[in-house]
Amino acid sequence: MIFNSLLIANRGEIACRIIKTAKEMGIRSIAVYVDADKDALFVEQADESVRLEDGGYLDGNQIINAAKEAGAQAIHPGYGFLSENASFARKVKKEGIIWVGPSANVISVMGDKLKAKDLAIKADVPTLPMTSKPAEAKNIGYPLLIKAAAGGGGKGMKIVDEESQLENLFLTAKSEAKKVLSNAKDQSEKIVEDSKTKATEEKNRIVASAQAEIDKEVVNAKKSLEKDFATNVMSAAKKIVGKEISETNHGDTIQKSLDDFRK
């Protein structure tokens, strides 16, 4: 094992799950908490805990100092909070602490939808038509979705149903992205309408196909068992009777029993 102590830079259910796994692996777990969480379950479950000032879950310096104070060899960010902060990931590694998560480079690329899309295209991953230039949006077709390149959770996201809405919604999305995410970069891509319905239909198709295949296998297996059973019974009957059972009353009785079994 490359480390035996882990600080969880998160809270709540996320922290509880990481602590549970750490215990199963024999790793000392260290929780961080603000005053509002001092009696929370994850703090109780951890082997050790370090108090943070208010806002500490988003303060990389406080997290790193807590790790040093507790002697943590590694930091797990969970998800949310600082988990997608490439700068924080770099600081953790610079301090000689193991970062349990994607590299800072991966976080930087995947945290920017434009870069992530380019990477996916280069890797031949199927993607929806996309552009970062409003003037090219009409080439994609409507409806389309404008969304912040650096955002998530619906911030800086607008649906455009027709060209007359494009300019106004693009400016609105850009302003919102800059205000909330400090990054005004936007992209536009084709929107898949009723995607949930389509996904459900595909799931149902797959399930139905699988069930039909299972039913077919069950029928074949039953026929095979019946055939084997019939063959064995007929063979045993021949030995008992001593001649072709089809020529005797015994044969008629056995054949009737087999027919009843098949029903």
Protein backbone atom coordinates (compact mmCIF):
# COMPACT_ATOMS: atom_id res chain seq x y z
CA MET A 1 0.00 0.00 0.00
CA ILE A 2 1.44 3.37 -0.99
CA PHE A 3 -0.17 5.27 1.90
CA ASN A 4 -1.80 4.43 5.23
CA SER A 5 -3.51 7.71 6.14
CA LEU A 6 -6.07 9.63 4.11
CA LEU A 7 -7.68 13.04 4.59
CA ILE A 8 -11.14 13.38 3.04
CA ALA A 9 -11.62 16.92 1.73
CA ASN A 10 -15.39 16.62 1.70
CA ARG A 11 -18.37 16.12 3.96
CA GLY A 12 -21.64 14.24 4.47
CA GLU A 13 -22.51 11.03 2.66
CA ILE A 14 -19.55 11.39 0.29
CA ALA A 15 -17.11 11.45 3.20
CA CYS A 16 -18.90 8.52 4.89
CA ARG A 17 -18.46 6.33 1.84
CA ILE A 18 -14.77 7.14 1.51
CA ILE A 19 -14.21 6.57 5.24
CA LYS A 20 -15.96 3.18 5.02
CA THR A 21 -13.72 2.06 2.15
CA ALA A 22 -10.60 3.39 3.90
CA LYS A 23 -11.42 1.36 7.01
CA GLU A 24 -11.92 -1.77 4.91
CA MET A 25 -8.48 -1.20 3.41
CA GLY A 26 -6.85 -0.57 6.77
CA ILE A 27 -6.21 3.11 6.02
CA ARG A 28 -6.49 5.73 8.78
CA SER A 29 -9.23 8.19 7.83
CA ILE A 30 -9.10 11.89 8.66
CA ALA A 31 -12.17 14.11 8.33
CA VAL A 32 -12.28 17.89 8.08
CA TYR A 33 -15.30 19.82 9.29
CA VAL A 34 -16.67 23.29 9.94
CA ASP A 35 -18.54 24.16 13.13
CA ALA A 36 -21.93 23.43 11.56
CA ASP A 37 -20.81 19.82 10.95
CA LYS A 38 -19.03 19.11 14.23
CA ASP A 39 -21.66 16.54 15.27
CA ALA A 40 -22.13 15.06 11.80
CA LEU A 41 -21.91 11.30 11.20
CA PHE A 42 -18.83 11.48 8.96
CA VAL A 43 -16.89 13.26 11.72
CA GLU A 44 -17.89 10.54 14.18
CA GLN A 45 -16.95 7.74 11.80
CA ALA A 46 -13.49 9.06 10.94
CA ASP A 47 -10.46 7.91 12.94
CA GLU A 48 -9.48 11.55 13.40
CA SER A 49 -10.91 14.96 12.51
CA VAL A 50 -9.57 18.48 12.01
CA ARG A 51 -11.65 21.64 12.37
CA LEU A 52 -11.76 24.19 9.55
CA GLU A 53 -12.84 27.81 9.61
CA ASP A 54 -16.15 28.63 7.90
CA GLY A 55 -15.81 28.18 4.15
CA GLY A 56 -12.98 25.72 4.70
CA TYR A 57 -14.36 23.07 2.35
CA LEU A 58 -13.51 25.41 -0.53
CA ASP A 59 -10.24 26.69 0.92
CA GLY A 60 -7.35 24.69 -0.49
CA ASN A 61 -4.82 26.16 1.91
CA GLN A 62 -6.90 25.18 4.95
CA ILE A 63 -7.29 21.63 3.59
CA ILE A 64 -3.55 21.24 2.99
CA ASN A 65 -2.70 22.65 6.42
CA ALA A 66 -5.17 20.23 8.01
CA ALA A 67 -3.50 17.35 6.17
CA LYS A 68 -0.10 18.39 7.45
CA GLU A 69 -1.42 18.83 10.99
CA ALA A 70 -2.89 15.34 11.00
CA GLY A 71 0.04 13.74 9.21
CA ALA A 72 -2.11 12.64 6.28
CA GLN A 73 -0.15 11.03 3.48
CA ALA A 74 -2.93 11.47 0.92
CA ILE A 75 -5.96 13.64 0.17
CA HIS A 76 -9.19 12.39 -1.40
CA PRO A 77 -11.40 15.28 -2.67
CA GLY A 78 -14.58 13.25 -3.15
CA TYR A 79 -16.70 15.10 -5.71
CA GLY A 80 -17.85 18.69 -5.79
CA PHE A 81 -16.02 21.31 -3.70
CA LEU A 82 -12.33 21.22 -4.76
CA SER A 83 -12.43 17.93 -6.68
CA GLU A 84 -12.38 19.68 -10.07
CA ASN A 85 -9.93 22.39 -9.08
CA ALA A 86 -6.73 21.74 -11.06
CA SER A 87 -4.82 24.38 -9.10
CA PHE A 88 -5.64 22.64 -5.81
CA ALA A 89 -4.54 19.27 -7.22
CA ARG A 90 -1.20 20.79 -8.20
CA LYS A 91 -0.73 22.37 -4.76
CA VAL A 92 -1.40 19.06 -3.02
CA LYS A 93 1.26 17.28 -5.08
CA LYS A 94 3.68 20.18 -4.64
CA GLU A 95 3.40 19.75 -0.87
CA GLY A 96 4.44 16.12 -1.24
CA ILE A 97 0.96 14.77 -0.47
CA ILE A 98 -0.59 12.06 -2.64
CA TRP A 99 -3.57 13.28 -4.68
CA VAL A 100 -6.27 10.60 -4.95
CA GLY A 101 -7.98 11.65 -8.15
CA PRO A 102 -7.44 12.64 -11.79
CA SER A 103 -4.27 14.53 -12.61
CA ALA A 104 -4.37 18.31 -12.72
CA ASN A 105 -3.95 18.13 -16.49
CA VAL A 106 -6.98 15.85 -16.89
CA ILE A 107 -9.05 18.09 -14.61
CA SER A 108 -8.07 21.14 -16.71
CA VAL A 109 -8.99 19.47 -19.98
CA MET A 110 -12.22 17.80 -18.85
CA GLY A 111 -13.30 20.86 -16.87
CA ASP A 112 -13.48 22.87 -20.09
CA LYS A 113 -16.21 21.55 -22.39
CA LEU A 114 -14.50 22.93 -25.50
CA LYS A 115 -11.21 21.18 -24.71
CA ALA A 116 -13.01 18.01 -23.65
CA LYS A 117 -15.01 17.98 -26.89
CA ASP A 118 -11.87 18.42 -29.01
CA LEU A 119 -10.20 15.59 -27.10
CA ALA A 120 -13.21 13.33 -27.64
CA ILE A 121 -13.26 14.08 -31.37
CA LYS A 122 -9.52 13.30 -31.66
CA ALA A 123 -10.19 9.98 -29.90
CA ASP A 124 -12.97 9.17 -32.40
CA VAL A 125 -15.67 9.31 -29.72
CA PRO A 126 -19.10 10.08 -31.23
CA THR A 127 -20.16 13.62 -30.32
CA LEU A 128 -22.99 16.01 -31.07
CA PRO A 129 -22.35 18.84 -33.59
CA MET A 130 -20.87 21.82 -31.73
CA THR A 131 -19.46 25.29 -32.30
CA SER A 132 -18.10 28.08 -30.12
CA LYS A 133 -19.02 30.71 -32.72
CA PRO A 134 -22.61 32.04 -32.67
CA ALA A 135 -22.45 32.82 -36.39
CA GLU A 136 -21.98 29.11 -37.13
CA ALA A 137 -24.86 27.97 -34.90
CA LYS A 138 -27.39 27.95 -37.75
CA ASN A 139 -25.27 25.31 -39.48
CA ILE A 140 -25.97 22.94 -36.57
CA GLY A 141 -29.72 23.35 -36.76
CA TYR A 142 -32.36 24.09 -34.15
CA PRO A 143 -33.14 23.50 -31.39
CA LEU A 144 -29.66 23.86 -29.96
CA LEU A 145 -28.19 24.31 -26.50
CA ILE A 146 -25.91 27.13 -25.43
CA LYS A 147 -23.87 26.22 -22.37
CA ALA A 148 -20.91 27.56 -20.45
CA ALA A 149 -17.63 25.89 -21.38
CA ALA A 150 -16.51 25.87 -17.74
CA GLY A 151 -19.83 25.37 -16.03
CA GLY A 152 -22.15 22.76 -14.66
CA GLY A 153 -25.49 22.46 -12.92
CA GLY A 154 -27.30 24.46 -15.58
CA LYS A 155 -25.33 27.68 -15.09
CA GLY A 156 -24.93 29.64 -18.31
CA MET A 157 -27.20 27.23 -20.15
CA LYS A 158 -29.98 28.26 -22.57
CA ILE A 159 -32.11 26.40 -25.11
CA VAL A 160 -32.54 28.13 -28.48
CA ASP A 161 -35.56 27.01 -30.48
CA GLU A 162 -35.13 29.35 -33.45
CA GLU A 163 -32.61 31.73 -34.96
CA SER A 164 -34.42 34.88 -33.80
CA GLN A 165 -33.64 33.92 -30.18
CA LEU A 166 -29.97 33.17 -30.70
CA GLU A 167 -28.31 36.56 -30.19
CA ASN A 168 -30.27 37.52 -27.07
CA LEU A 169 -29.92 34.10 -25.38
CA PHE A 170 -26.24 33.88 -26.28
CA LEU A 171 -25.54 37.21 -24.58
CA THR A 172 -27.64 36.18 -21.55
CA ALA A 173 -25.81 32.86 -21.20
CA LYS A 174 -22.43 34.53 -21.60
CA SER A 175 -23.22 37.13 -18.93
CA GLU A 176 -24.44 34.48 -16.50
CA ALA A 177 -21.36 32.32 -17.08
CA LYS A 178 -19.03 35.22 -16.43
CA LYS A 179 -20.88 36.25 -13.28
CA VAL A 180 -21.24 32.79 -11.72
CA LEU A 181 -18.26 30.93 -13.13
CA SER A 182 -15.80 33.74 -13.86
CA ASN A 183 -15.48 32.35 -17.36
CA ALA A 184 -17.54 33.76 -20.22
CA LYS A 185 -16.65 31.08 -22.80
CA ASP A 186 -19.72 29.43 -24.30
CA GLN A 187 -20.43 26.70 -26.80
CA SER A 188 -23.50 25.75 -28.81
CA GLU A 189 -24.41 22.18 -29.69
CA LYS A 190 -27.32 20.26 -31.12
CA ILE A 191 -29.81 19.32 -28.42
CA VAL A 192 -31.31 15.83 -28.30
CA GLU A 193 -35.00 16.25 -27.59
CA ASP A 194 -36.76 13.61 -25.51
CA SER A 195 -33.37 12.02 -24.80
CA LYS A 196 -34.73 10.39 -21.65
CA THR A 197 -37.60 8.87 -23.62
CA LYS A 198 -35.19 7.59 -26.26
CA ALA A 199 -32.91 6.12 -23.60
CA THR A 200 -35.87 4.41 -21.91
CA GLU A 201 -37.07 2.99 -25.23
CA GLU A 202 -33.61 1.62 -25.98
CA LYS A 203 -33.36 0.10 -22.50
CA ASN A 204 -36.76 -1.55 -22.91
CA ARG A 205 -35.73 -2.89 -26.32
CA ILE A 206 -32.54 -4.39 -24.88
CA VAL A 207 -34.40 -5.92 -21.92
CA ALA A 208 -37.09 -7.39 -24.19
CA SER A 209 -34.46 -8.83 -26.52
CA ALA A 210 -32.56 -10.35 -23.61
CA GLN A 211 -35.77 -11.82 -22.14
CA ALA A 212 -36.69 -13.38 -25.50
CA GLU A 213 -33.25 -14.95 -25.71
CA ILE A 214 -33.56 -16.30 -22.16
CA ASP A 215 -37.02 -17.74 -22.91
CA LYS A 216 -35.62 -19.42 -26.01
CA GLU A 217 -32.77 -20.97 -24.03
CA VAL A 218 -35.19 -22.18 -21.34
CA VAL A 219 -37.41 -23.87 -23.95
CA ASN A 220 -34.39 -25.51 -25.61
CA ALA A 221 -33.08 -26.69 -22.25
CA LYS A 222 -36.47 -28.17 -21.34
CA LYS A 223 -36.68 -30.02 -24.66
CA SER A 224 -33.17 -31.35 -24.18
CA LEU A 225 -33.98 -32.59 -20.68
CA GLU A 226 -37.20 -34.20 -21.86
CA LYS A 227 -35.38 -35.94 -24.69
CA ASP A 228 -32.63 -37.21 -22.40
CA PHE A 229 -35.19 -38.33 -19.83
CA ALA A 230 -37.30 -40.12 -22.42
CA THR A 231 -34.26 -41.85 -23.92
CA ASN A 232 -33.07 -43.07 -20.52
CA VAL A 233 -36.52 -44.32 -19.47
CA MET A 234 -37.09 -46.11 -22.76
CA SER A 235 -33.64 -47.73 -22.53
CA ALA A 236 -34.29 -48.91 -18.97
CA ALA A 237 -37.72 -50.19 -19.91
CA LYS A 238 -36.28 -52.22 -22.76
CA LYS A 239 -33.90 -53.94 -20.37
CA ILE A 240 -36.69 -54.69 -17.90
CA VAL A 241 -39.21 -55.97 -20.42
CA GLY A 242 -36.60 -57.69 -22.57
CA LYS A 243 -38.00 -56.71 -25.97
CA GLU A 244 -39.14 -53.68 -27.96
CA ILE A 245 -41.55 -51.91 -25.63
CA SER A 246 -43.51 -50.51 -28.52
CA GLU A 247 -44.81 -54.05 -29.08
CA THR A 248 -46.07 -54.50 -25.51
CA ASN A 249 -48.63 -53.09 -23.16
CA HIS A 250 -45.73 -51.95 -20.97
CA GLY A 251 -44.55 -49.77 -23.82
CA ASP A 252 -47.95 -48.12 -24.14
CA THR A 253 -48.01 -47.37 -20.41
CA ILE A 254 -44.51 -45.90 -20.41
CA GLN A 255 -45.18 -43.86 -23.55
CA LYS A 256 -48.35 -42.43 -21.94
CA SER A 257 -46.33 -41.48 -18.84
CA LEU A 258 -43.80 -39.68 -21.03
CA ASP A 259 -46.54 -37.78 -22.82
CA ASP A 260 -48.01 -36.73 -19.45
CA PHE A 261 -44.53 -35.55 -18.33
CA ARG A 262 -44.11 -33.39 -21.41
CA LYS A 263 -47.41 -31.63 -20.68
